[in-house]
Amino acid sequence: MHPSADELYQLVRKRLPRISLGTVYRNLEILSELGEIQKLELSGSLKRYDGHPHRHYHIRCVGCDTVADAPIAPLAQLEDELYHTTVFEIIGHNLEFTGLCPACSREQEKAS
């Protein structure tokens, strides 16, 4: 699950009805800065959050905007190679895969 702040807010409100959206955003930012969660800023998508804080990649459905973990290991070699060929200090990279989730793929097949 890679929920947006609004989705998390709706879930939390079920248990804490008086919580504000601002409180949810502030706490997500704090958790992100502490490295407890990842803030995902994917193209064409709401900002989403991931409870798995270690570096890994994601797949985003271009149909419904669902985000899932990509089942491949991070490309540390790519960062190492770039580190030796640039004057930039490499602090990380983002890699996003896009496609259609199974539900959107079925819908597209039905429409054709």
N, C-alpha and C. Protein backbone atom coordinates (compact mmCIF):
# COMPACT_ATOMS: atom_id res chain seq x y z
N MET A 1 0.84 -1.19 0.00
CA MET A 1 0.00 0.00 0.00
C MET A 1 0.88 1.24 0.00
N HIS A 2 0.59 2.17 -0.87
CA HIS A 2 1.33 3.42 -1.01
C HIS A 2 0.32 4.57 -1.00
N PRO A 3 -0.25 4.86 0.16
CA PRO A 3 -1.34 5.84 0.23
C PRO A 3 -0.86 7.28 0.10
N SER A 4 -1.77 8.13 -0.32
CA SER A 4 -1.53 9.57 -0.32
C SER A 4 -1.83 10.09 1.09
N ALA A 5 -1.46 11.32 1.36
CA ALA A 5 -1.75 11.92 2.67
C ALA A 5 -3.26 11.99 2.89
N ASP A 6 -4.02 12.30 1.86
CA ASP A 6 -5.48 12.37 1.99
C ASP A 6 -6.07 11.01 2.33
N GLU A 7 -5.56 9.95 1.69
CA GLU A 7 -6.05 8.61 1.99
C GLU A 7 -5.73 8.21 3.43
N LEU A 8 -4.52 8.54 3.87
CA LEU A 8 -4.15 8.26 5.26
C LEU A 8 -5.02 9.06 6.23
N TYR A 9 -5.28 10.29 5.89
CA TYR A 9 -6.14 11.15 6.71
C TYR A 9 -7.51 10.51 6.90
N GLN A 10 -8.09 10.00 5.82
CA GLN A 10 -9.41 9.36 5.91
C GLN A 10 -9.36 8.12 6.81
N LEU A 11 -8.28 7.35 6.73
CA LEU A 11 -8.14 6.18 7.59
C LEU A 11 -7.97 6.56 9.05
N VAL A 12 -7.13 7.54 9.31
CA VAL A 12 -6.87 7.96 10.69
C VAL A 12 -8.12 8.57 11.32
N ARG A 13 -8.89 9.31 10.54
CA ARG A 13 -10.11 9.95 11.07
C ARG A 13 -11.12 8.95 11.62
N LYS A 14 -11.06 7.72 11.15
CA LYS A 14 -11.97 6.69 11.67
C LYS A 14 -11.68 6.40 13.14
N ARG A 15 -10.41 6.53 13.53
CA ARG A 15 -10.02 6.28 14.92
C ARG A 15 -9.87 7.56 15.71
N LEU A 16 -9.47 8.63 15.03
CA LEU A 16 -9.27 9.93 15.68
C LEU A 16 -10.05 10.99 14.91
N PRO A 17 -11.35 11.10 15.13
CA PRO A 17 -12.19 11.96 14.30
C PRO A 17 -11.83 13.45 14.33
N ARG A 18 -11.13 13.88 15.36
CA ARG A 18 -10.82 15.31 15.47
C ARG A 18 -9.45 15.69 14.89
N ILE A 19 -8.75 14.73 14.32
CA ILE A 19 -7.42 15.01 13.76
C ILE A 19 -7.56 15.90 12.52
N SER A 20 -6.59 16.77 12.32
CA SER A 20 -6.62 17.65 11.15
C SER A 20 -5.73 17.09 10.05
N LEU A 21 -6.02 17.49 8.81
CA LEU A 21 -5.20 17.09 7.68
C LEU A 21 -3.78 17.63 7.85
N GLY A 22 -3.65 18.84 8.39
CA GLY A 22 -2.34 19.43 8.63
C GLY A 22 -1.49 18.59 9.57
N THR A 23 -2.11 18.01 10.58
CA THR A 23 -1.39 17.15 11.52
C THR A 23 -0.88 15.91 10.81
N VAL A 24 -1.70 15.35 9.94
CA VAL A 24 -1.27 14.16 9.18
C VAL A 24 -0.09 14.53 8.29
N TYR A 25 -0.18 15.64 7.56
CA TYR A 25 0.93 16.07 6.70
C TYR A 25 2.20 16.31 7.50
N ARG A 26 2.10 17.02 8.62
CA ARG A 26 3.29 17.30 9.44
C ARG A 26 3.94 16.02 9.92
N ASN A 27 3.14 15.07 10.38
CA ASN A 27 3.70 13.82 10.88
C ASN A 27 4.30 12.97 9.77
N LEU A 28 3.70 13.00 8.60
CA LEU A 28 4.30 12.28 7.47
C LEU A 28 5.65 12.89 7.10
N GLU A 29 5.74 14.22 7.12
CA GLU A 29 7.03 14.88 6.82
C GLU A 29 8.08 14.51 7.86
N ILE A 30 7.69 14.51 9.13
CA ILE A 30 8.63 14.15 10.20
C ILE A 30 9.11 12.71 10.03
N LEU A 31 8.17 11.79 9.81
CA LEU A 31 8.54 10.38 9.63
C LEU A 31 9.44 10.20 8.41
N SER A 32 9.18 10.96 7.36
CA SER A 32 10.01 10.90 6.16
C SER A 32 11.42 11.41 6.45
N GLU A 33 11.52 12.53 7.14
CA GLU A 33 12.83 13.10 7.48
C GLU A 33 13.63 12.18 8.40
N LEU A 34 12.94 11.45 9.28
CA LEU A 34 13.60 10.51 10.19
C LEU A 34 13.99 9.21 9.50
N GLY A 35 13.55 9.02 8.26
CA GLY A 35 13.86 7.80 7.53
C GLY A 35 12.99 6.62 7.91
N GLU A 36 11.87 6.88 8.57
CA GLU A 36 10.95 5.81 8.97
C GLU A 36 10.03 5.40 7.84
N ILE A 37 9.75 6.32 6.93
CA ILE A 37 8.94 6.06 5.75
C ILE A 37 9.59 6.76 4.57
N GLN A 38 9.15 6.43 3.37
CA GLN A 38 9.61 7.13 2.16
C GLN A 38 8.50 8.02 1.63
N LYS A 39 8.87 9.20 1.20
CA LYS A 39 7.94 10.07 0.49
C LYS A 39 8.18 9.82 -1.00
N LEU A 40 7.15 9.40 -1.70
CA LEU A 40 7.27 9.10 -3.12
C LEU A 40 6.71 10.26 -3.93
N GLU A 41 7.55 10.84 -4.75
CA GLU A 41 7.11 11.93 -5.62
C GLU A 41 7.23 11.42 -7.05
N LEU A 42 6.23 10.66 -7.46
CA LEU A 42 6.23 10.04 -8.78
C LEU A 42 5.57 10.96 -9.78
N SER A 43 5.98 10.85 -11.04
CA SER A 43 5.39 11.71 -12.07
C SER A 43 3.92 11.40 -12.26
N GLY A 44 3.15 12.43 -12.55
CA GLY A 44 1.74 12.26 -12.84
C GLY A 44 0.93 11.70 -11.70
N SER A 45 1.41 11.87 -10.48
CA SER A 45 0.79 11.20 -9.36
C SER A 45 0.74 12.11 -8.15
N LEU A 46 -0.18 11.80 -7.27
CA LEU A 46 -0.17 12.45 -5.95
C LEU A 46 1.09 12.05 -5.22
N LYS A 47 1.51 12.87 -4.29
CA LYS A 47 2.61 12.48 -3.42
C LYS A 47 2.10 11.32 -2.57
N ARG A 48 2.84 10.23 -2.55
CA ARG A 48 2.44 9.05 -1.81
C ARG A 48 3.51 8.70 -0.79
N TYR A 49 3.16 7.83 0.13
CA TYR A 49 4.07 7.45 1.21
C TYR A 49 4.19 5.94 1.27
N ASP A 50 5.37 5.48 1.63
CA ASP A 50 5.68 4.05 1.66
C ASP A 50 6.27 3.71 3.02
N GLY A 51 5.69 2.74 3.70
CA GLY A 51 6.17 2.32 5.01
C GLY A 51 7.46 1.54 4.96
N HIS A 52 7.92 1.20 3.78
CA HIS A 52 9.20 0.49 3.61
C HIS A 52 10.28 1.54 3.32
N PRO A 53 11.09 1.91 4.32
CA PRO A 53 11.99 3.06 4.15
C PRO A 53 13.26 2.79 3.32
N HIS A 54 13.58 1.55 3.06
CA HIS A 54 14.81 1.25 2.33
C HIS A 54 14.61 1.49 0.84
N ARG A 55 15.69 1.81 0.15
CA ARG A 55 15.62 2.14 -1.27
C ARG A 55 15.08 0.96 -2.07
N HIS A 56 14.06 1.22 -2.83
CA HIS A 56 13.51 0.26 -3.77
C HIS A 56 12.70 1.03 -4.81
N TYR A 57 12.34 0.35 -5.88
CA TYR A 57 11.67 1.00 -6.99
C TYR A 57 10.17 0.70 -6.99
N HIS A 58 9.48 1.47 -7.79
CA HIS A 58 8.02 1.36 -7.83
C HIS A 58 7.52 1.28 -9.26
N ILE A 59 6.32 0.70 -9.38
CA ILE A 59 5.60 0.63 -10.66
C ILE A 59 4.31 1.41 -10.45
N ARG A 60 4.00 2.34 -11.37
CA ARG A 60 2.78 3.14 -11.27
C ARG A 60 1.89 2.84 -12.46
N CYS A 61 0.63 2.55 -12.17
CA CYS A 61 -0.34 2.31 -13.24
C CYS A 61 -0.76 3.66 -13.83
N VAL A 62 -0.63 3.77 -15.14
CA VAL A 62 -1.02 5.02 -15.81
C VAL A 62 -2.53 5.13 -15.97
N GLY A 63 -3.24 4.04 -15.67
CA GLY A 63 -4.70 4.06 -15.77
C GLY A 63 -5.36 4.57 -14.51
N CYS A 64 -4.99 3.99 -13.36
CA CYS A 64 -5.66 4.31 -12.10
C CYS A 64 -4.74 4.93 -11.05
N ASP A 65 -3.46 5.09 -11.37
CA ASP A 65 -2.47 5.70 -10.48
C ASP A 65 -2.09 4.83 -9.28
N THR A 66 -2.44 3.54 -9.31
CA THR A 66 -2.01 2.62 -8.27
C THR A 66 -0.50 2.51 -8.30
N VAL A 67 0.13 2.39 -7.13
CA VAL A 67 1.57 2.25 -7.03
C VAL A 67 1.88 0.94 -6.31
N ALA A 68 2.84 0.18 -6.86
CA ALA A 68 3.26 -1.08 -6.26
C ALA A 68 4.79 -1.11 -6.22
N ASP A 69 5.33 -1.95 -5.35
CA ASP A 69 6.78 -2.13 -5.30
C ASP A 69 7.23 -2.93 -6.53
N ALA A 70 8.33 -2.52 -7.14
CA ALA A 70 8.92 -3.26 -8.26
C ALA A 70 9.82 -4.34 -7.67
N PRO A 71 9.68 -5.58 -8.12
CA PRO A 71 10.44 -6.68 -7.52
C PRO A 71 11.85 -6.84 -8.07
N ILE A 72 12.63 -5.76 -8.04
CA ILE A 72 14.04 -5.82 -8.47
C ILE A 72 14.89 -5.10 -7.43
N ALA A 73 16.15 -5.47 -7.38
CA ALA A 73 17.08 -4.85 -6.43
C ALA A 73 17.51 -3.47 -6.94
N PRO A 74 17.83 -2.54 -6.01
CA PRO A 74 18.31 -1.21 -6.42
C PRO A 74 19.60 -1.30 -7.25
N LEU A 75 19.74 -0.36 -8.15
CA LEU A 75 20.89 -0.34 -9.06
C LEU A 75 22.04 0.47 -8.50
N ALA A 76 22.68 -0.04 -7.45
CA ALA A 76 23.78 0.67 -6.80
C ALA A 76 24.94 0.89 -7.77
N GLN A 77 25.16 -0.05 -8.69
CA GLN A 77 26.25 0.07 -9.65
C GLN A 77 26.09 1.32 -10.52
N LEU A 78 24.86 1.65 -10.86
CA LEU A 78 24.59 2.84 -11.67
C LEU A 78 25.05 4.10 -10.95
N GLU A 79 24.73 4.22 -9.66
CA GLU A 79 25.18 5.37 -8.87
C GLU A 79 26.71 5.40 -8.80
N ASP A 80 27.33 4.24 -8.58
CA ASP A 80 28.79 4.17 -8.50
C ASP A 80 29.44 4.64 -9.79
N GLU A 81 28.91 4.19 -10.93
CA GLU A 81 29.47 4.59 -12.23
C GLU A 81 29.32 6.09 -12.45
N LEU A 82 28.17 6.64 -12.12
CA LEU A 82 27.95 8.06 -12.30
C LEU A 82 28.83 8.88 -11.35
N TYR A 83 29.02 8.37 -10.15
CA TYR A 83 29.86 9.06 -9.16
C TYR A 83 31.27 9.31 -9.71
N HIS A 84 31.77 8.37 -10.48
CA HIS A 84 33.14 8.50 -11.01
C HIS A 84 33.21 9.30 -12.30
N THR A 85 32.07 9.69 -12.87
CA THR A 85 32.10 10.40 -14.15
C THR A 85 31.49 11.79 -14.10
N THR A 86 31.18 12.29 -12.91
CA THR A 86 30.56 13.61 -12.80
C THR A 86 31.16 14.37 -11.63
N VAL A 87 30.98 15.68 -11.65
CA VAL A 87 31.43 16.50 -10.52
C VAL A 87 30.33 16.63 -9.47
N PHE A 88 29.15 16.09 -9.77
CA PHE A 88 28.05 16.12 -8.81
C PHE A 88 28.32 15.13 -7.68
N GLU A 89 27.86 15.47 -6.49
CA GLU A 89 27.86 14.51 -5.39
C GLU A 89 26.54 13.76 -5.47
N ILE A 90 26.61 12.48 -5.79
CA ILE A 90 25.40 11.67 -5.96
C ILE A 90 24.87 11.28 -4.58
N ILE A 91 23.61 11.63 -4.33
CA ILE A 91 23.00 11.29 -3.04
C ILE A 91 21.85 10.30 -3.19
N GLY A 92 21.55 9.92 -4.41
CA GLY A 92 20.49 8.94 -4.65
C GLY A 92 19.94 9.08 -6.05
N HIS A 93 18.97 8.24 -6.36
CA HIS A 93 18.29 8.34 -7.65
C HIS A 93 16.89 7.77 -7.51
N ASN A 94 16.02 8.16 -8.44
CA ASN A 94 14.66 7.66 -8.50
C ASN A 94 14.45 6.99 -9.84
N LEU A 95 13.83 5.85 -9.80
CA LEU A 95 13.51 5.14 -11.02
C LEU A 95 12.05 4.71 -10.92
N GLU A 96 11.26 5.12 -11.89
CA GLU A 96 9.84 4.80 -11.88
C GLU A 96 9.49 4.01 -13.13
N PHE A 97 8.84 2.89 -12.94
CA PHE A 97 8.31 2.11 -14.04
C PHE A 97 6.83 2.45 -14.18
N THR A 98 6.34 2.50 -15.39
CA THR A 98 4.91 2.75 -15.60
C THR A 98 4.33 1.62 -16.44
N GLY A 99 3.05 1.41 -16.28
CA GLY A 99 2.37 0.36 -17.03
C GLY A 99 0.91 0.35 -16.66
N LEU A 100 0.27 -0.76 -16.91
CA LEU A 100 -1.14 -0.93 -16.55
C LEU A 100 -1.25 -2.05 -15.53
N CYS A 101 -1.97 -1.79 -14.45
CA CYS A 101 -2.23 -2.83 -13.46
C CYS A 101 -3.17 -3.86 -14.09
N PRO A 102 -3.32 -5.04 -13.48
CA PRO A 102 -4.19 -6.06 -14.08
C PRO A 102 -5.63 -5.58 -14.31
N ALA A 103 -6.19 -4.83 -13.37
CA ALA A 103 -7.57 -4.35 -13.53
C ALA A 103 -7.69 -3.39 -14.71
N CYS A 104 -6.78 -2.44 -14.83
CA CYS A 104 -6.82 -1.49 -15.95
C CYS A 104 -6.53 -2.19 -17.28
N SER A 105 -5.67 -3.18 -17.25
CA SER A 105 -5.37 -3.94 -18.46
C SER A 105 -6.61 -4.68 -18.95
N ARG A 106 -7.36 -5.30 -18.04
CA ARG A 106 -8.61 -5.98 -18.41
C ARG A 106 -9.62 -4.99 -18.98
N GLU A 107 -9.72 -3.80 -18.34
CA GLU A 107 -10.66 -2.78 -18.82
C GLU A 107 -10.29 -2.33 -20.23
N GLN A 108 -8.99 -2.19 -20.48
CA GLN A 108 -8.54 -1.76 -21.81
C GLN A 108 -8.86 -2.83 -22.85
N GLU A 109 -8.69 -4.10 -22.47
CA GLU A 109 -9.01 -5.20 -23.39
C GLU A 109 -10.49 -5.21 -23.72
N LYS A 110 -11.35 -4.97 -22.72
CA LYS A 110 -12.79 -4.94 -22.93
C LYS A 110 -13.19 -3.81 -23.89
N ALA A 111 -12.49 -2.68 -23.77
CA ALA A 111 -12.82 -1.51 -24.58
C ALA A 111 -12.40 -1.66 -26.03
N SER A 112 -11.41 -2.55 -26.30
CA SER A 112 -10.95 -2.67 -27.68
C SER A 112 -11.69 -3.71 -28.47
